[in-house]
Every structure is written in structure tokens, then in C-alpha cells.
mmCIF file of all heavy atoms, coordinates in Angstrom:
data_MODEL
# 
_entry.id   MODEL 
# 
loop_
_atom_site.group_PDB 
_atom_site.id 
_atom_site.type_symbol 
_atom_site.label_atom_id 
_atom_site.label_alt_id 
_atom_site.label_comp_id 
_atom_site.label_asym_id 
_atom_site.label_entity_id 
_atom_site.label_seq_id 
_atom_site.pdbx_PDB_ins_code 
_atom_site.Cartn_x 
_atom_site.Cartn_y 
_atom_site.Cartn_z 
_atom_site.occupancy 
_atom_site.B_iso_or_equiv 
_atom_site.pdbx_formal_charge 
_atom_site.auth_seq_id 
_atom_site.auth_comp_id 
_atom_site.auth_asym_id 
_atom_site.auth_atom_id 
_atom_site.pdbx_PDB_model_num 
ATOM 1   N N   . ASN A 1 1  ? -50.904 0.406  5.814  1.00 0.00 ? 1  ASN A N   1 
ATOM 2   C CA  . ASN A 1 1  ? -49.415 0.047  5.478  1.00 0.00 ? 1  ASN A CA  1 
ATOM 3   C C   . ASN A 1 1  ? -48.958 -1.214 6.317  1.00 0.00 ? 1  ASN A C   1 
ATOM 4   O O   . ASN A 1 1  ? -49.647 -1.573 7.140  1.00 0.00 ? 1  ASN A O   1 
ATOM 5   C CB  . ASN A 1 1  ? -48.425 1.226  5.797  1.00 0.00 ? 1  ASN A CB  1 
ATOM 6   C CG  . ASN A 1 1  ? -48.840 2.528  4.998  1.00 0.00 ? 1  ASN A CG  1 
ATOM 7   O OD1 . ASN A 1 1  ? -49.141 2.471  3.878  1.00 0.00 ? 1  ASN A OD1 1 
ATOM 8   N ND2 . ASN A 1 1  ? -48.823 3.647  5.679  1.00 0.00 ? 1  ASN A ND2 1 
ATOM 9   N N   . THR A 1 2  ? -47.943 -1.940 5.792  1.00 0.00 ? 2  THR A N   1 
ATOM 10  C CA  . THR A 1 2  ? -47.483 -2.990 6.433  1.00 0.00 ? 2  THR A CA  1 
ATOM 11  C C   . THR A 1 2  ? -45.945 -3.016 6.842  1.00 0.00 ? 2  THR A C   1 
ATOM 12  O O   . THR A 1 2  ? -45.504 -3.886 7.525  1.00 0.00 ? 2  THR A O   1 
ATOM 13  C CB  . THR A 1 2  ? -47.541 -4.158 5.429  1.00 0.00 ? 2  THR A CB  1 
ATOM 14  O OG1 . THR A 1 2  ? -46.821 -3.984 4.325  1.00 0.00 ? 2  THR A OG1 1 
ATOM 15  C CG2 . THR A 1 2  ? -49.086 -4.496 5.062  1.00 0.00 ? 2  THR A CG2 1 
ATOM 16  N N   . ILE A 1 3  ? -45.402 -1.810 6.568  1.00 0.00 ? 3  ILE A N   1 
ATOM 17  C CA  . ILE A 1 3  ? -44.024 -1.596 7.008  1.00 0.00 ? 3  ILE A CA  1 
ATOM 18  C C   . ILE A 1 3  ? -43.618 -0.067 6.898  1.00 0.00 ? 3  ILE A C   1 
ATOM 19  O O   . ILE A 1 3  ? -44.295 0.544  6.311  1.00 0.00 ? 3  ILE A O   1 
ATOM 20  C CB  . ILE A 1 3  ? -42.923 -2.535 6.085  1.00 0.00 ? 3  ILE A CB  1 
ATOM 21  C CG1 . ILE A 1 3  ? -41.609 -2.720 6.768  1.00 0.00 ? 3  ILE A CG1 1 
ATOM 22  C CG2 . ILE A 1 3  ? -42.799 -1.669 4.651  1.00 0.00 ? 3  ILE A CG2 1 
ATOM 23  C CD1 . ILE A 1 3  ? -40.819 -3.774 6.208  1.00 0.00 ? 3  ILE A CD1 1 
ATOM 24  N N   . ARG A 1 4  ? -42.625 0.152  7.580  1.00 0.00 ? 4  ARG A N   1 
ATOM 25  C CA  . ARG A 1 4  ? -42.219 1.585  7.640  1.00 0.00 ? 4  ARG A CA  1 
ATOM 26  C C   . ARG A 1 4  ? -41.106 1.984  6.782  1.00 0.00 ? 4  ARG A C   1 
ATOM 27  O O   . ARG A 1 4  ? -40.245 1.151  6.453  1.00 0.00 ? 4  ARG A O   1 
ATOM 28  C CB  . ARG A 1 4  ? -41.921 2.143  9.093  1.00 0.00 ? 4  ARG A CB  1 
ATOM 29  C CG  . ARG A 1 4  ? -43.021 2.190  10.007 1.00 0.00 ? 4  ARG A CG  1 
ATOM 30  C CD  . ARG A 1 4  ? -42.627 2.978  11.313 1.00 0.00 ? 4  ARG A CD  1 
ATOM 31  N NE  . ARG A 1 4  ? -43.850 3.107  12.185 1.00 0.00 ? 4  ARG A NE  1 
ATOM 32  C CZ  . ARG A 1 4  ? -43.961 2.389  13.252 1.00 0.00 ? 4  ARG A CZ  1 
ATOM 33  N NH1 . ARG A 1 4  ? -43.057 1.457  13.559 1.00 0.00 ? 4  ARG A NH1 1 
ATOM 34  N NH2 . ARG A 1 4  ? -45.059 2.505  14.036 1.00 0.00 ? 4  ARG A NH2 1 
ATOM 35  N N   . LYS A 1 5  ? -40.984 3.263  6.362  1.00 0.00 ? 5  LYS A N   1 
ATOM 36  C CA  . LYS A 1 5  ? -39.731 3.703  5.723  1.00 0.00 ? 5  LYS A CA  1 
ATOM 37  C C   . LYS A 1 5  ? -38.811 4.060  6.857  1.00 0.00 ? 5  LYS A C   1 
ATOM 38  O O   . LYS A 1 5  ? -39.085 4.536  7.855  1.00 0.00 ? 5  LYS A O   1 
ATOM 39  C CB  . LYS A 1 5  ? -40.043 4.982  4.970  1.00 0.00 ? 5  LYS A CB  1 
ATOM 40  C CG  . LYS A 1 5  ? -41.075 4.796  3.764  1.00 0.00 ? 5  LYS A CG  1 
ATOM 41  C CD  . LYS A 1 5  ? -41.317 6.101  3.069  1.00 0.00 ? 5  LYS A CD  1 
ATOM 42  C CE  . LYS A 1 5  ? -42.379 5.834  1.790  1.00 0.00 ? 5  LYS A CE  1 
ATOM 43  N NZ  . LYS A 1 5  ? -42.591 7.133  1.076  1.00 0.00 ? 5  LYS A NZ  1 
ATOM 44  N N   . VAL A 1 6  ? -37.466 3.870  6.592  1.00 0.00 ? 6  VAL A N   1 
ATOM 45  C CA  . VAL A 1 6  ? -36.457 3.847  7.510  1.00 0.00 ? 6  VAL A CA  1 
ATOM 46  C C   . VAL A 1 6  ? -35.164 4.568  7.110  1.00 0.00 ? 6  VAL A C   1 
ATOM 47  O O   . VAL A 1 6  ? -34.974 4.578  5.810  1.00 0.00 ? 6  VAL A O   1 
ATOM 48  C CB  . VAL A 1 6  ? -36.062 2.496  8.228  1.00 0.00 ? 6  VAL A CB  1 
ATOM 49  C CG1 . VAL A 1 6  ? -37.301 1.758  8.771  1.00 0.00 ? 6  VAL A CG1 1 
ATOM 50  C CG2 . VAL A 1 6  ? -35.639 1.512  7.112  1.00 0.00 ? 6  VAL A CG2 1 
ATOM 51  N N   . ASN A 1 7  ? -34.287 4.812  7.970  1.00 0.00 ? 7  ASN A N   1 
ATOM 52  C CA  . ASN A 1 7  ? -33.036 5.430  7.484  1.00 0.00 ? 7  ASN A CA  1 
ATOM 53  C C   . ASN A 1 7  ? -32.329 4.334  6.614  1.00 0.00 ? 7  ASN A C   1 
ATOM 54  O O   . ASN A 1 7  ? -32.446 3.153  6.773  1.00 0.00 ? 7  ASN A O   1 
ATOM 55  C CB  . ASN A 1 7  ? -32.149 5.559  8.792  1.00 0.00 ? 7  ASN A CB  1 
ATOM 56  C CG  . ASN A 1 7  ? -30.763 6.224  8.541  1.00 0.00 ? 7  ASN A CG  1 
ATOM 57  O OD1 . ASN A 1 7  ? -29.908 5.466  8.044  1.00 0.00 ? 7  ASN A OD1 1 
ATOM 58  N ND2 . ASN A 1 7  ? -30.599 7.380  8.918  1.00 0.00 ? 7  ASN A ND2 1 
ATOM 59  N N   . PRO A 1 8  ? -31.549 4.771  5.606  1.00 0.00 ? 8  PRO A N   1 
ATOM 60  C CA  . PRO A 1 8  ? -31.044 3.901  4.612  1.00 0.00 ? 8  PRO A CA  1 
ATOM 61  C C   . PRO A 1 8  ? -30.005 2.807  5.387  1.00 0.00 ? 8  PRO A C   1 
ATOM 62  O O   . PRO A 1 8  ? -29.945 1.711  4.853  1.00 0.00 ? 8  PRO A O   1 
ATOM 63  C CB  . PRO A 1 8  ? -30.214 4.823  3.756  1.00 0.00 ? 8  PRO A CB  1 
ATOM 64  C CG  . PRO A 1 8  ? -30.865 6.017  3.755  1.00 0.00 ? 8  PRO A CG  1 
ATOM 65  C CD  . PRO A 1 8  ? -31.497 6.201  5.098  1.00 0.00 ? 8  PRO A CD  1 
ATOM 66  N N   . GLU A 1 9  ? -29.381 3.011  6.472  1.00 0.00 ? 9  GLU A N   1 
ATOM 67  C CA  . GLU A 1 9  ? -28.700 2.195  7.137  1.00 0.00 ? 9  GLU A CA  1 
ATOM 68  C C   . GLU A 1 9  ? -29.407 1.040  7.756  1.00 0.00 ? 9  GLU A C   1 
ATOM 69  O O   . GLU A 1 9  ? -28.810 -0.062 8.025  1.00 0.00 ? 9  GLU A O   1 
ATOM 70  C CB  . GLU A 1 9  ? -27.840 2.910  8.328  1.00 0.00 ? 9  GLU A CB  1 
ATOM 71  C CG  . GLU A 1 9  ? -26.999 3.986  7.839  1.00 0.00 ? 9  GLU A CG  1 
ATOM 72  C CD  . GLU A 1 9  ? -25.638 3.476  7.368  1.00 0.00 ? 9  GLU A CD  1 
ATOM 73  O OE1 . GLU A 1 9  ? -24.799 2.981  8.250  1.00 0.00 ? 9  GLU A OE1 1 
ATOM 74  O OE2 . GLU A 1 9  ? -25.474 3.388  6.108  1.00 0.00 ? 9  GLU A OE2 1 
ATOM 75  N N   . TYR A 1 10 ? -30.748 1.260  7.983  1.00 0.00 ? 10 TYR A N   1 
ATOM 76  C CA  . TYR A 1 10 ? -31.551 0.313  8.505  1.00 0.00 ? 10 TYR A CA  1 
ATOM 77  C C   . TYR A 1 10 ? -32.376 -0.549 7.416  1.00 0.00 ? 10 TYR A C   1 
ATOM 78  O O   . TYR A 1 10 ? -33.287 -1.416 7.701  1.00 0.00 ? 10 TYR A O   1 
ATOM 79  C CB  . TYR A 1 10 ? -32.538 0.838  9.529  1.00 0.00 ? 10 TYR A CB  1 
ATOM 80  C CG  . TYR A 1 10 ? -31.978 1.410  10.711 1.00 0.00 ? 10 TYR A CG  1 
ATOM 81  C CD1 . TYR A 1 10 ? -32.343 2.644  11.139 1.00 0.00 ? 10 TYR A CD1 1 
ATOM 82  C CD2 . TYR A 1 10 ? -30.952 0.713  11.410 1.00 0.00 ? 10 TYR A CD2 1 
ATOM 83  C CE1 . TYR A 1 10 ? -31.847 3.266  12.318 1.00 0.00 ? 10 TYR A CE1 1 
ATOM 84  C CE2 . TYR A 1 10 ? -30.387 1.344  12.541 1.00 0.00 ? 10 TYR A CE2 1 
ATOM 85  C CZ  . TYR A 1 10 ? -30.800 2.667  13.098 1.00 0.00 ? 10 TYR A CZ  1 
ATOM 86  O OH  . TYR A 1 10 ? -30.364 3.132  14.247 1.00 0.00 ? 10 TYR A OH  1 
ATOM 87  N N   . GLU A 1 11 ? -32.334 -0.176 6.187  1.00 0.00 ? 11 GLU A N   1 
ATOM 88  C CA  . GLU A 1 11 ? -33.121 -0.676 5.125  1.00 0.00 ? 11 GLU A CA  1 
ATOM 89  C C   . GLU A 1 11 ? -33.191 -2.182 5.020  1.00 0.00 ? 11 GLU A C   1 
ATOM 90  O O   . GLU A 1 11 ? -34.307 -2.679 4.797  1.00 0.00 ? 11 GLU A O   1 
ATOM 91  C CB  . GLU A 1 11 ? -32.661 -0.087 3.749  1.00 0.00 ? 11 GLU A CB  1 
ATOM 92  C CG  . GLU A 1 11 ? -33.520 -0.571 2.643  1.00 0.00 ? 11 GLU A CG  1 
ATOM 93  C CD  . GLU A 1 11 ? -34.921 -0.065 2.578  1.00 0.00 ? 11 GLU A CD  1 
ATOM 94  O OE1 . GLU A 1 11 ? -35.180 1.030  3.212  1.00 0.00 ? 11 GLU A OE1 1 
ATOM 95  O OE2 . GLU A 1 11 ? -35.751 -0.656 1.789  1.00 0.00 ? 11 GLU A OE2 1 
ATOM 96  N N   . HIS A 1 12 ? -32.097 -2.860 5.292  1.00 0.00 ? 12 HIS A N   1 
ATOM 97  C CA  . HIS A 1 12 ? -32.146 -4.389 5.238  1.00 0.00 ? 12 HIS A CA  1 
ATOM 98  C C   . HIS A 1 12 ? -32.728 -4.961 6.399  1.00 0.00 ? 12 HIS A C   1 
ATOM 99  O O   . HIS A 1 12 ? -32.991 -6.132 6.388  1.00 0.00 ? 12 HIS A O   1 
ATOM 100 C CB  . HIS A 1 12 ? -30.630 -4.864 5.093  1.00 0.00 ? 12 HIS A CB  1 
ATOM 101 C CG  . HIS A 1 12 ? -29.736 -4.735 6.189  1.00 0.00 ? 12 HIS A CG  1 
ATOM 102 N ND1 . HIS A 1 12 ? -29.286 -3.508 6.538  1.00 0.00 ? 12 HIS A ND1 1 
ATOM 103 C CD2 . HIS A 1 12 ? -29.290 -5.636 6.995  1.00 0.00 ? 12 HIS A CD2 1 
ATOM 104 C CE1 . HIS A 1 12 ? -28.590 -3.703 7.682  1.00 0.00 ? 12 HIS A CE1 1 
ATOM 105 N NE2 . HIS A 1 12 ? -28.435 -4.960 7.876  1.00 0.00 ? 12 HIS A NE2 1 
ATOM 106 N N   . ILE A 1 13 ? -32.919 -4.187 7.451  1.00 0.00 ? 13 ILE A N   1 
ATOM 107 C CA  . ILE A 1 13 ? -33.628 -4.652 8.605  1.00 0.00 ? 13 ILE A CA  1 
ATOM 108 C C   . ILE A 1 13 ? -34.846 -3.935 9.008  1.00 0.00 ? 13 ILE A C   1 
ATOM 109 O O   . ILE A 1 13 ? -35.305 -3.716 10.113 1.00 0.00 ? 13 ILE A O   1 
ATOM 110 C CB  . ILE A 1 13 ? -32.662 -4.741 9.905  1.00 0.00 ? 13 ILE A CB  1 
ATOM 111 C CG1 . ILE A 1 13 ? -32.074 -3.230 10.214 1.00 0.00 ? 13 ILE A CG1 1 
ATOM 112 C CG2 . ILE A 1 13 ? -31.605 -5.750 9.786  1.00 0.00 ? 13 ILE A CG2 1 
ATOM 113 C CD1 . ILE A 1 13 ? -31.363 -3.309 11.564 1.00 0.00 ? 13 ILE A CD1 1 
ATOM 114 N N   . ARG A 1 14 ? -35.499 -3.371 7.881  1.00 0.00 ? 14 ARG A N   1 
ATOM 115 C CA  . ARG A 1 14 ? -36.678 -2.449 8.146  1.00 0.00 ? 14 ARG A CA  1 
ATOM 116 C C   . ARG A 1 14 ? -37.832 -3.200 8.798  1.00 0.00 ? 14 ARG A C   1 
ATOM 117 O O   . ARG A 1 14 ? -38.621 -2.518 9.573  1.00 0.00 ? 14 ARG A O   1 
ATOM 118 C CB  . ARG A 1 14 ? -37.064 -1.850 6.796  1.00 0.00 ? 14 ARG A CB  1 
ATOM 119 C CG  . ARG A 1 14 ? -37.517 -2.738 5.727  1.00 0.00 ? 14 ARG A CG  1 
ATOM 120 C CD  . ARG A 1 14 ? -37.660 -1.853 4.364  1.00 0.00 ? 14 ARG A CD  1 
ATOM 121 N NE  . ARG A 1 14 ? -38.095 -2.628 3.277  1.00 0.00 ? 14 ARG A NE  1 
ATOM 122 C CZ  . ARG A 1 14 ? -37.235 -3.486 2.556  1.00 0.00 ? 14 ARG A CZ  1 
ATOM 123 N NH1 . ARG A 1 14 ? -36.027 -3.666 2.806  1.00 0.00 ? 14 ARG A NH1 1 
ATOM 124 N NH2 . ARG A 1 14 ? -37.807 -4.104 1.489  1.00 0.00 ? 14 ARG A NH2 1 
ATOM 125 N N   . ALA A 1 15 ? -38.088 -4.478 8.600  1.00 0.00 ? 15 ALA A N   1 
ATOM 126 C CA  . ALA A 1 15 ? -39.022 -5.220 9.415  1.00 0.00 ? 15 ALA A CA  1 
ATOM 127 C C   . ALA A 1 15 ? -38.757 -5.193 10.816 1.00 0.00 ? 15 ALA A C   1 
ATOM 128 O O   . ALA A 1 15 ? -39.658 -5.075 11.748 1.00 0.00 ? 15 ALA A O   1 
ATOM 129 C CB  . ALA A 1 15 ? -39.189 -6.696 8.803  1.00 0.00 ? 15 ALA A CB  1 
ATOM 130 N N   . TRP A 1 16 ? -37.608 -5.316 11.320 1.00 0.00 ? 16 TRP A N   1 
ATOM 131 C CA  . TRP A 1 16 ? -37.165 -5.298 12.589 1.00 0.00 ? 16 TRP A CA  1 
ATOM 132 C C   . TRP A 1 16 ? -37.492 -3.825 13.104 1.00 0.00 ? 16 TRP A C   1 
ATOM 133 O O   . TRP A 1 16 ? -38.009 -3.740 14.265 1.00 0.00 ? 16 TRP A O   1 
ATOM 134 C CB  . TRP A 1 16 ? -35.668 -5.600 12.783 1.00 0.00 ? 16 TRP A CB  1 
ATOM 135 C CG  . TRP A 1 16 ? -35.181 -5.698 14.141 1.00 0.00 ? 16 TRP A CG  1 
ATOM 136 C CD1 . TRP A 1 16 ? -34.999 -4.745 15.113 1.00 0.00 ? 16 TRP A CD1 1 
ATOM 137 C CD2 . TRP A 1 16 ? -34.762 -6.938 14.876 1.00 0.00 ? 16 TRP A CD2 1 
ATOM 138 N NE1 . TRP A 1 16 ? -34.606 -5.111 16.391 1.00 0.00 ? 16 TRP A NE1 1 
ATOM 139 C CE2 . TRP A 1 16 ? -34.400 -6.478 16.281 1.00 0.00 ? 16 TRP A CE2 1 
ATOM 140 C CE3 . TRP A 1 16 ? -34.578 -8.177 14.593 1.00 0.00 ? 16 TRP A CE3 1 
ATOM 141 C CZ2 . TRP A 1 16 ? -33.933 -7.394 17.159 1.00 0.00 ? 16 TRP A CZ2 1 
ATOM 142 C CZ3 . TRP A 1 16 ? -34.177 -9.039 15.452 1.00 0.00 ? 16 TRP A CZ3 1 
ATOM 143 C CH2 . TRP A 1 16 ? -33.825 -8.660 16.877 1.00 0.00 ? 16 TRP A CH2 1 
ATOM 144 N N   . ILE A 1 17 ? -37.062 -2.853 12.491 1.00 0.00 ? 17 ILE A N   1 
ATOM 145 C CA  . ILE A 1 17 ? -37.251 -1.504 12.928 1.00 0.00 ? 17 ILE A CA  1 
ATOM 146 C C   . ILE A 1 17 ? -38.733 -1.184 12.934 1.00 0.00 ? 17 ILE A C   1 
ATOM 147 O O   . ILE A 1 17 ? -39.209 -0.355 13.642 1.00 0.00 ? 17 ILE A O   1 
ATOM 148 C CB  . ILE A 1 17 ? -36.581 -0.507 11.912 1.00 0.00 ? 17 ILE A CB  1 
ATOM 149 C CG1 . ILE A 1 17 ? -35.098 -0.785 11.855 1.00 0.00 ? 17 ILE A CG1 1 
ATOM 150 C CG2 . ILE A 1 17 ? -36.718 0.948  12.373 1.00 0.00 ? 17 ILE A CG2 1 
ATOM 151 C CD1 . ILE A 1 17 ? -34.363 -0.737 13.159 1.00 0.00 ? 17 ILE A CD1 1 
ATOM 152 N N   . SER A 1 18 ? -39.547 -1.787 12.182 1.00 0.00 ? 18 SER A N   1 
ATOM 153 C CA  . SER A 1 18 ? -41.017 -1.619 12.093 1.00 0.00 ? 18 SER A CA  1 
ATOM 154 C C   . SER A 1 18 ? -41.650 -2.557 13.050 1.00 0.00 ? 18 SER A C   1 
ATOM 155 O O   . SER A 1 18 ? -43.000 -2.567 13.045 1.00 0.00 ? 18 SER A O   1 
ATOM 156 C CB  . SER A 1 18 ? -41.480 -1.977 10.680 1.00 0.00 ? 18 SER A CB  1 
ATOM 157 O OG  . SER A 1 18 ? -40.828 -1.121 9.674  1.00 0.00 ? 18 SER A OG  1 
ATOM 158 N N   . SER A 1 19 ? -41.062 -3.080 14.062 1.00 0.00 ? 19 SER A N   1 
ATOM 159 C CA  . SER A 1 19 ? -41.662 -4.127 14.967 1.00 0.00 ? 19 SER A CA  1 
ATOM 160 C C   . SER A 1 19 ? -42.453 -3.582 16.135 1.00 0.00 ? 19 SER A C   1 
ATOM 161 O O   . SER A 1 19 ? -43.025 -4.284 16.946 1.00 0.00 ? 19 SER A O   1 
ATOM 162 C CB  . SER A 1 19 ? -40.574 -5.154 15.413 1.00 0.00 ? 19 SER A CB  1 
ATOM 163 O OG  . SER A 1 19 ? -39.690 -4.629 16.078 1.00 0.00 ? 19 SER A OG  1 
ATOM 164 N N   . VAL A 1 20 ? -42.398 -2.275 16.456 1.00 0.00 ? 20 VAL A N   1 
ATOM 165 C CA  . VAL A 1 20 ? -43.004 -1.695 17.538 1.00 0.00 ? 20 VAL A CA  1 
ATOM 166 C C   . VAL A 1 20 ? -43.876 -0.528 17.247 1.00 0.00 ? 20 VAL A C   1 
ATOM 167 O O   . VAL A 1 20 ? -43.744 0.032  16.125 1.00 0.00 ? 20 VAL A O   1 
ATOM 168 C CB  . VAL A 1 20 ? -41.926 -1.331 18.589 1.00 0.00 ? 20 VAL A CB  1 
ATOM 169 C CG1 . VAL A 1 20 ? -41.305 -2.487 19.284 1.00 0.00 ? 20 VAL A CG1 1 
ATOM 170 C CG2 . VAL A 1 20 ? -40.977 -0.388 17.927 1.00 0.00 ? 20 VAL A CG2 1 
ATOM 171 N N   . GLY A 1 21 ? -44.604 -0.149 18.068 1.00 0.00 ? 21 GLY A N   1 
ATOM 172 C CA  . GLY A 1 21 ? -45.508 1.112  17.833 1.00 0.00 ? 21 GLY A CA  1 
ATOM 173 C C   . GLY A 1 21 ? -46.966 0.885  18.129 1.00 0.00 ? 21 GLY A C   1 
ATOM 174 O O   . GLY A 1 21 ? -47.716 1.967  18.438 1.00 0.00 ? 21 GLY A O   1 
ATOM 175 N N   . ALA A 1 22 ? -47.519 -0.290 17.977 1.00 0.00 ? 22 ALA A N   1 
ATOM 176 C CA  . ALA A 1 22 ? -48.918 -0.492 18.292 1.00 0.00 ? 22 ALA A CA  1 
ATOM 177 C C   . ALA A 1 22 ? -49.203 -0.278 19.822 1.00 0.00 ? 22 ALA A C   1 
ATOM 178 O O   . ALA A 1 22 ? -48.397 -0.822 20.541 1.00 0.00 ? 22 ALA A O   1 
ATOM 179 C CB  . ALA A 1 22 ? -49.410 -2.007 17.837 1.00 0.00 ? 22 ALA A CB  1 
ATOM 180 N N   . ALA A 1 23 ? -50.146 0.394  20.125 1.00 0.00 ? 23 ALA A N   1 
ATOM 181 C CA  . ALA A 1 23 ? -50.394 0.919  21.524 1.00 0.00 ? 23 ALA A CA  1 
ATOM 182 C C   . ALA A 1 23 ? -51.887 1.004  21.732 1.00 0.00 ? 23 ALA A C   1 
ATOM 183 O O   . ALA A 1 23 ? -52.716 1.373  20.809 1.00 0.00 ? 23 ALA A O   1 
ATOM 184 C CB  . ALA A 1 23 ? -49.584 2.093  21.854 1.00 0.00 ? 23 ALA A CB  1 
ATOM 185 N N   . ILE A 1 24 ? -52.209 0.882  23.117 1.00 0.00 ? 24 ILE A N   1 
ATOM 186 C CA  . ILE A 1 24 ? -53.706 1.100  23.445 1.00 0.00 ? 24 ILE A CA  1 
ATOM 187 C C   . ILE A 1 24 ? -53.794 1.496  24.824 1.00 0.00 ? 24 ILE A C   1 
ATOM 188 O O   . ILE A 1 24 ? -52.970 1.117  25.707 1.00 0.00 ? 24 ILE A O   1 
ATOM 189 C CB  . ILE A 1 24 ? -54.504 -0.087 22.965 1.00 0.00 ? 24 ILE A CB  1 
ATOM 190 C CG1 . ILE A 1 24 ? -55.949 0.178  22.945 1.00 0.00 ? 24 ILE A CG1 1 
ATOM 191 C CG2 . ILE A 1 24 ? -54.295 -1.261 24.073 1.00 0.00 ? 24 ILE A CG2 1 
ATOM 192 C CD1 . ILE A 1 24 ? -56.853 -0.791 22.130 1.00 0.00 ? 24 ILE A CD1 1 
ATOM 193 N N   . ALA A 1 25 ? -54.808 2.272  25.173 1.00 0.00 ? 25 ALA A N   1 
ATOM 194 C CA  . ALA A 1 25 ? -55.057 2.744  26.513 1.00 0.00 ? 25 ALA A CA  1 
ATOM 195 C C   . ALA A 1 25 ? -56.544 2.842  26.606 1.00 0.00 ? 25 ALA A C   1 
ATOM 196 O O   . ALA A 1 25 ? -57.257 3.130  25.723 1.00 0.00 ? 25 ALA A O   1 
ATOM 197 C CB  . ALA A 1 25 ? -54.365 4.047  26.782 1.00 0.00 ? 25 ALA A CB  1 
ATOM 198 N N   . VAL A 1 26 ? -57.020 2.778  27.997 1.00 0.00 ? 26 VAL A N   1 
ATOM 199 C CA  . VAL A 1 26 ? -58.406 2.944  28.220 1.00 0.00 ? 26 VAL A CA  1 
ATOM 200 C C   . VAL A 1 26 ? -58.624 3.782  29.380 1.00 0.00 ? 26 VAL A C   1 
ATOM 201 O O   . VAL A 1 26 ? -57.830 3.578  30.391 1.00 0.00 ? 26 VAL A O   1 
ATOM 202 C CB  . VAL A 1 26 ? -59.083 1.530  28.322 1.00 0.00 ? 26 VAL A CB  1 
ATOM 203 C CG1 . VAL A 1 26 ? -58.477 0.764  29.604 1.00 0.00 ? 26 VAL A CG1 1 
ATOM 204 C CG2 . VAL A 1 26 ? -60.609 1.677  28.645 1.00 0.00 ? 26 VAL A CG2 1 
ATOM 205 N N   . ASN A 1 27 ? -59.528 4.747  29.327 1.00 0.00 ? 27 ASN A N   1 
ATOM 206 C CA  . ASN A 1 27 ? -59.831 5.552  30.555 1.00 0.00 ? 27 ASN A CA  1 
ATOM 207 C C   . ASN A 1 27 ? -61.096 6.249  30.293 1.00 0.00 ? 27 ASN A C   1 
ATOM 208 O O   . ASN A 1 27 ? -61.756 6.154  29.288 1.00 0.00 ? 27 ASN A O   1 
ATOM 209 C CB  . ASN A 1 27 ? -58.625 6.553  30.646 1.00 0.00 ? 27 ASN A CB  1 
ATOM 210 C CG  . ASN A 1 27 ? -58.247 6.864  32.040 1.00 0.00 ? 27 ASN A CG  1 
ATOM 211 O OD1 . ASN A 1 27 ? -59.128 7.397  32.638 1.00 0.00 ? 27 ASN A OD1 1 
ATOM 212 N ND2 . ASN A 1 27 ? -57.119 6.514  32.509 1.00 0.00 ? 27 ASN A ND2 1 
# 
């Protein structure tokens, strides 16, 4: 996917709301 589904109040800024979440850890 390239963007998330969001609350309707955020629909016009859904790219902004979709701008975080990628994460990585090593151990």
C-alpha cells in the first residue's frame, strides 16, 4: 500500500497522517 485509511476528519490530510510508522530494530 502507499497510504492509510483514516478518520473522515483527516481525509484531506491523509498523507500527513500516513507519514509515520516505519520502524526497525536489531538484536
